[in-house]
């Protein structure tokens, strides 16, 4: 499961970050992959790292609205596309969601 699919107020742990570019257009795909790599670096820089605790605190009413997310002791607003790059697991039972 990715962070954009997580239910509110449930504690998860970050498994890993993944690139979400899947375009068929080579030029768009190359640009998208470059943008995704930059977003992955930014997520890592602000603390979205494997085994870090994460929780979705709030979601916007519309599909494209930001998610309010707590990672560790910090709180951030993420775009749904950024949250989709964060693969999470339920540490309590050791199960990964995909």
C-alpha atoms as a PDB file:
ATOM      1  CA  UNK A   1       0.000   0.000   0.000  1.00  0.00           C
ATOM      2  CA  UNK A   2       1.186   3.511  -0.645  1.00  0.00           C
ATOM      3  CA  UNK A   3       0.739   6.473   1.664  1.00  0.00           C
ATOM      4  CA  UNK A   4      -1.952   8.082  -0.517  1.00  0.00           C
ATOM      5  CA  UNK A   5      -4.113   4.955   0.086  1.00  0.00           C
ATOM      6  CA  UNK A   6      -3.587   4.812   3.854  1.00  0.00           C
ATOM      7  CA  UNK A   7      -6.526   5.294   6.205  1.00  0.00           C
ATOM      8  CA  UNK A   8      -6.490   8.310   8.506  1.00  0.00           C
ATOM      9  CA  UNK A   9      -4.855   8.166  11.936  1.00  0.00           C
ATOM     10  CA  UNK A  10      -3.376   4.686  11.522  1.00  0.00           C
ATOM     11  CA  UNK A  11       0.309   4.203  12.264  1.00  0.00           C
ATOM     12  CA  UNK A  12       2.468   2.690   9.521  1.00  0.00           C
ATOM     13  CA  UNK A  13       6.186   2.374   8.848  1.00  0.00           C
ATOM     14  CA  UNK A  14       7.858   3.354   5.605  1.00  0.00           C
ATOM     15  CA  UNK A  15       9.060   0.354   3.634  1.00  0.00           C
ATOM     16  CA  UNK A  16      10.692   2.234   0.759  1.00  0.00           C
ATOM     17  CA  UNK A  17      10.176   4.973  -1.799  1.00  0.00           C
ATOM     18  CA  UNK A  18       9.314   4.108  -5.392  1.00  0.00           C
ATOM     19  CA  UNK A  19       9.274   5.900  -8.719  1.00  0.00           C
ATOM     20  CA  UNK A  20       5.744   6.162 -10.141  1.00  0.00           C
ATOM     21  CA  UNK A  21       6.531   7.168 -13.778  1.00  0.00           C
ATOM     22  CA  UNK A  22       4.716   4.868 -16.207  1.00  0.00           C
ATOM     23  CA  UNK A  23       4.180   6.970 -19.345  1.00  0.00           C
ATOM     24  CA  UNK A  24       4.389   5.453 -22.824  1.00  0.00           C
ATOM     25  CA  UNK A  25       5.558   8.705 -24.465  1.00  0.00           C
ATOM     26  CA  UNK A  26       9.374   8.586 -24.379  1.00  0.00           C
ATOM     27  CA  UNK A  27       9.883  12.358 -24.018  1.00  0.00           C
ATOM     28  CA  UNK A  28       7.187  12.730 -21.387  1.00  0.00           C
ATOM     29  CA  UNK A  29       8.429   9.593 -19.683  1.00  0.00           C
ATOM     30  CA  UNK A  30      11.987  10.904 -19.506  1.00  0.00           C
ATOM     31  CA  UNK A  31      10.824  14.241 -18.094  1.00  0.00           C
ATOM     32  CA  UNK A  32       8.479  12.516 -15.676  1.00  0.00           C
ATOM     33  CA  UNK A  33      11.211  10.127 -14.504  1.00  0.00           C
ATOM     34  CA  UNK A  34      13.537  13.086 -13.912  1.00  0.00           C
ATOM     35  CA  UNK A  35      10.834  14.900 -11.932  1.00  0.00           C
ATOM     36  CA  UNK A  36      10.070  11.736  -9.960  1.00  0.00           C
ATOM     37  CA  UNK A  37      13.747  11.297  -9.061  1.00  0.00           C
ATOM     38  CA  UNK A  38      13.850  14.887  -7.794  1.00  0.00           C
ATOM     39  CA  UNK A  39      10.680  14.323  -5.752  1.00  0.00           C
ATOM     40  CA  UNK A  40      12.177  11.125  -4.297  1.00  0.00           C
ATOM     41  CA  UNK A  41      15.302  13.052  -3.240  1.00  0.00           C
ATOM     42  CA  UNK A  42      13.158  15.757  -1.649  1.00  0.00           C
ATOM     43  CA  UNK A  43      11.078  13.207   0.257  1.00  0.00           C
ATOM     44  CA  UNK A  44      14.243  11.555   1.572  1.00  0.00           C
ATOM     45  CA  UNK A  45      15.694  14.948   2.537  1.00  0.00           C
ATOM     46  CA  UNK A  46      12.696  15.804   4.721  1.00  0.00           C
ATOM     47  CA  UNK A  47      12.701  12.446   6.495  1.00  0.00           C
ATOM     48  CA  UNK A  48      10.709   9.927   4.454  1.00  0.00           C
ATOM     49  CA  UNK A  49      13.158   7.097   5.078  1.00  0.00           C
ATOM     50  CA  UNK A  50      12.730   3.319   5.528  1.00  0.00           C
ATOM     51  CA  UNK A  51      11.527   2.234   8.979  1.00  0.00           C
ATOM     52  CA  UNK A  52      10.353   5.764   9.891  1.00  0.00           C
ATOM     53  CA  UNK A  53       6.890   5.982  11.457  1.00  0.00           C
ATOM     54  CA  UNK A  54       4.270   7.680   9.303  1.00  0.00           C
ATOM     55  CA  UNK A  55       0.592   8.583   9.685  1.00  0.00           C
ATOM     56  CA  UNK A  56      -1.932  10.399   7.476  1.00  0.00           C
ATOM     57  CA  UNK A  57      -3.619  13.025   9.644  1.00  0.00           C
ATOM     58  CA  UNK A  58      -5.980  14.534   7.089  1.00  0.00           C
ATOM     59  CA  UNK A  59      -6.946  14.308   3.414  1.00  0.00           C
ATOM     60  CA  UNK A  60      -8.450  17.010   1.230  1.00  0.00           C
ATOM     61  CA  UNK A  61     -12.029  16.616   0.081  1.00  0.00           C
ATOM     62  CA  UNK A  62     -11.110  16.604  -3.598  1.00  0.00           C
ATOM     63  CA  UNK A  63      -8.959  13.917  -5.212  1.00  0.00           C
ATOM     64  CA  UNK A  64      -6.094  16.312  -6.080  1.00  0.00           C
ATOM     65  CA  UNK A  65      -5.957  17.955  -2.650  1.00  0.00           C
ATOM     66  CA  UNK A  66      -2.980  17.636  -0.345  1.00  0.00           C
ATOM     67  CA  UNK A  67      -2.599  15.090   2.434  1.00  0.00           C
ATOM     68  CA  UNK A  68      -1.403  16.163   5.874  1.00  0.00           C
ATOM     69  CA  UNK A  69       1.160  13.576   6.952  1.00  0.00           C
ATOM     70  CA  UNK A  70       3.238  13.095  10.094  1.00  0.00           C
ATOM     71  CA  UNK A  71       6.604  11.391   9.610  1.00  0.00           C
ATOM     72  CA  UNK A  72       8.574  10.895  12.791  1.00  0.00           C
ATOM     73  CA  UNK A  73       7.836  14.062  14.798  1.00  0.00           C
ATOM     74  CA  UNK A  74       7.402  16.385  11.786  1.00  0.00           C
ATOM     75  CA  UNK A  75       4.211  17.233   9.897  1.00  0.00           C
ATOM     76  CA  UNK A  76       4.045  17.941   6.148  1.00  0.00           C
ATOM     77  CA  UNK A  77       1.510  18.515   3.396  1.00  0.00           C
ATOM     78  CA  UNK A  78       2.112  16.207   0.425  1.00  0.00           C
ATOM     79  CA  UNK A  79       0.593  16.106  -3.024  1.00  0.00           C
ATOM     80  CA  UNK A  80      -1.175  12.803  -3.749  1.00  0.00           C
ATOM     81  CA  UNK A  81       1.495  12.064  -6.389  1.00  0.00           C
ATOM     82  CA  UNK A  82       4.224  12.429  -3.752  1.00  0.00           C
ATOM     83  CA  UNK A  83       2.355  10.300  -1.217  1.00  0.00           C
ATOM     84  CA  UNK A  84       1.994   7.600  -3.907  1.00  0.00           C
ATOM     85  CA  UNK A  85       5.804   7.256  -3.914  1.00  0.00           C
ATOM     86  CA  UNK A  86       5.888   6.180  -0.255  1.00  0.00           C
ATOM     87  CA  UNK A  87       5.333   2.426   0.184  1.00  0.00           C
ATOM     88  CA  UNK A  88       4.206   1.610   3.716  1.00  0.00           C
ATOM     89  CA  UNK A  89       3.932  -1.443   5.916  1.00  0.00           C
ATOM     90  CA  UNK A  90       2.021  -2.316   9.049  1.00  0.00           C
ATOM     91  CA  UNK A  91       4.878  -3.016  11.453  1.00  0.00           C
ATOM     92  CA  UNK A  92       2.596  -4.455  14.102  1.00  0.00           C
ATOM     93  CA  UNK A  93       2.139  -7.677  12.151  1.00  0.00           C
ATOM     94  CA  UNK A  94       5.100  -7.306   9.799  1.00  0.00           C
ATOM     95  CA  UNK A  95       2.890  -7.314   6.700  1.00  0.00           C
ATOM     96  CA  UNK A  96       3.689  -5.216   3.672  1.00  0.00           C
ATOM     97  CA  UNK A  97       0.914  -3.660   1.654  1.00  0.00           C
ATOM     98  CA  UNK A  98       1.430  -3.308  -2.062  1.00  0.00           C
END
